């Protein structure tokens, strides 16, 4: 299992929890991850194989926070 820079497993659930903490529960990035969890057979435990920096860029873009990145 891949690990995030926080040391946590790279799962949809852990990404969701971090995204909620950073962008707030009502952000488009959180909605995106919640939709992915609902679509996944493994739910929150689905492994995220994308590079963490690319995931962060995608989530920042969804949240409209891409200035000066």
C-alpha atoms as a PDB file:
ATOM      1  CA  UNK A   1       0.000   0.000   0.000  1.00  0.00           C
ATOM      2  CA  UNK A   2       1.293   3.442  -0.906  1.00  0.00           C
ATOM      3  CA  UNK A   3       1.656   5.975   1.889  1.00  0.00           C
ATOM      4  CA  UNK A   4       0.789   9.651   2.001  1.00  0.00           C
ATOM      5  CA  UNK A   5       3.383  12.151   3.194  1.00  0.00           C
ATOM      6  CA  UNK A   6       1.526  12.103   6.526  1.00  0.00           C
ATOM      7  CA  UNK A   7       2.393   8.410   6.937  1.00  0.00           C
ATOM      8  CA  UNK A   8      -1.203   7.307   6.442  1.00  0.00           C
ATOM      9  CA  UNK A   9      -2.210   4.739   3.832  1.00  0.00           C
ATOM     10  CA  UNK A  10      -3.079   6.294   0.485  1.00  0.00           C
ATOM     11  CA  UNK A  11      -6.812   5.525   0.508  1.00  0.00           C
ATOM     12  CA  UNK A  12      -9.844   7.450  -0.632  1.00  0.00           C
ATOM     13  CA  UNK A  13     -10.972   7.711   2.982  1.00  0.00           C
ATOM     14  CA  UNK A  14      -7.729   9.216   4.241  1.00  0.00           C
ATOM     15  CA  UNK A  15      -7.637  11.617   1.288  1.00  0.00           C
ATOM     16  CA  UNK A  16     -11.230  12.599   2.058  1.00  0.00           C
ATOM     17  CA  UNK A  17     -10.473  13.256   5.724  1.00  0.00           C
ATOM     18  CA  UNK A  18      -7.476  15.438   4.860  1.00  0.00           C
ATOM     19  CA  UNK A  19      -9.407  17.282   2.157  1.00  0.00           C
ATOM     20  CA  UNK A  20     -12.257  18.042   4.579  1.00  0.00           C
ATOM     21  CA  UNK A  21      -9.772  19.410   7.104  1.00  0.00           C
ATOM     22  CA  UNK A  22      -8.099  21.660   4.532  1.00  0.00           C
ATOM     23  CA  UNK A  23     -10.967  22.824   2.300  1.00  0.00           C
ATOM     24  CA  UNK A  24     -14.060  22.287   4.457  1.00  0.00           C
ATOM     25  CA  UNK A  25     -16.809  19.704   4.252  1.00  0.00           C
ATOM     26  CA  UNK A  26     -18.784  21.564   1.562  1.00  0.00           C
ATOM     27  CA  UNK A  27     -15.964  21.996  -0.960  1.00  0.00           C
ATOM     28  CA  UNK A  28     -16.128  20.594  -4.515  1.00  0.00           C
ATOM     29  CA  UNK A  29     -12.989  18.544  -3.795  1.00  0.00           C
ATOM     30  CA  UNK A  30     -14.766  16.780  -0.908  1.00  0.00           C
ATOM     31  CA  UNK A  31     -17.816  16.137  -3.111  1.00  0.00           C
ATOM     32  CA  UNK A  32     -15.533  14.609  -5.773  1.00  0.00           C
ATOM     33  CA  UNK A  33     -13.919  12.226  -3.279  1.00  0.00           C
ATOM     34  CA  UNK A  34     -17.271  11.296  -1.709  1.00  0.00           C
ATOM     35  CA  UNK A  35     -18.567  10.408  -5.181  1.00  0.00           C
ATOM     36  CA  UNK A  36     -15.490   8.245  -5.817  1.00  0.00           C
ATOM     37  CA  UNK A  37     -16.008   6.461  -2.495  1.00  0.00           C
ATOM     38  CA  UNK A  38     -19.656   5.763  -3.358  1.00  0.00           C
ATOM     39  CA  UNK A  39     -18.623   4.366  -6.764  1.00  0.00           C
ATOM     40  CA  UNK A  40     -15.854   2.156  -5.361  1.00  0.00           C
ATOM     41  CA  UNK A  41     -16.404  -1.452  -4.337  1.00  0.00           C
ATOM     42  CA  UNK A  42     -13.875  -0.902  -1.527  1.00  0.00           C
ATOM     43  CA  UNK A  43     -15.345   2.445  -0.441  1.00  0.00           C
ATOM     44  CA  UNK A  44     -13.079   4.437   1.859  1.00  0.00           C
ATOM     45  CA  UNK A  45     -10.438   1.677   1.726  1.00  0.00           C
ATOM     46  CA  UNK A  46      -9.869   1.987  -2.041  1.00  0.00           C
ATOM     47  CA  UNK A  47      -6.174   2.579  -2.660  1.00  0.00           C
ATOM     48  CA  UNK A  48      -5.268   5.814  -4.442  1.00  0.00           C
ATOM     49  CA  UNK A  49      -2.445   5.016  -6.856  1.00  0.00           C
ATOM     50  CA  UNK A  50      -2.069   8.536  -8.250  1.00  0.00           C
ATOM     51  CA  UNK A  51       1.005  10.450  -7.168  1.00  0.00           C
ATOM     52  CA  UNK A  52       0.215  12.538  -4.083  1.00  0.00           C
ATOM     53  CA  UNK A  53       1.410  15.792  -5.653  1.00  0.00           C
ATOM     54  CA  UNK A  54      -0.833  15.262  -8.681  1.00  0.00           C
ATOM     55  CA  UNK A  55      -3.802  14.470  -6.434  1.00  0.00           C
ATOM     56  CA  UNK A  56      -3.120  17.625  -4.444  1.00  0.00           C
ATOM     57  CA  UNK A  57      -2.993  19.733  -7.604  1.00  0.00           C
ATOM     58  CA  UNK A  58      -6.294  18.245  -8.808  1.00  0.00           C
ATOM     59  CA  UNK A  59      -7.977  18.869  -5.438  1.00  0.00           C
ATOM     60  CA  UNK A  60      -6.584  22.421  -5.246  1.00  0.00           C
ATOM     61  CA  UNK A  61      -7.925  23.133  -8.714  1.00  0.00           C
ATOM     62  CA  UNK A  62     -11.379  21.796  -7.781  1.00  0.00           C
ATOM     63  CA  UNK A  63     -11.383  23.900  -4.636  1.00  0.00           C
ATOM     64  CA  UNK A  64     -10.436  27.030  -6.599  1.00  0.00           C
ATOM     65  CA  UNK A  65      -7.265  27.482  -4.533  1.00  0.00           C
ATOM     66  CA  UNK A  66      -4.670  27.213  -7.279  1.00  0.00           C
ATOM     67  CA  UNK A  67      -3.223  30.730  -7.047  1.00  0.00           C
ATOM     68  CA  UNK A  68       0.558  30.755  -6.672  1.00  0.00           C
ATOM     69  CA  UNK A  69       0.868  26.949  -6.696  1.00  0.00           C
END
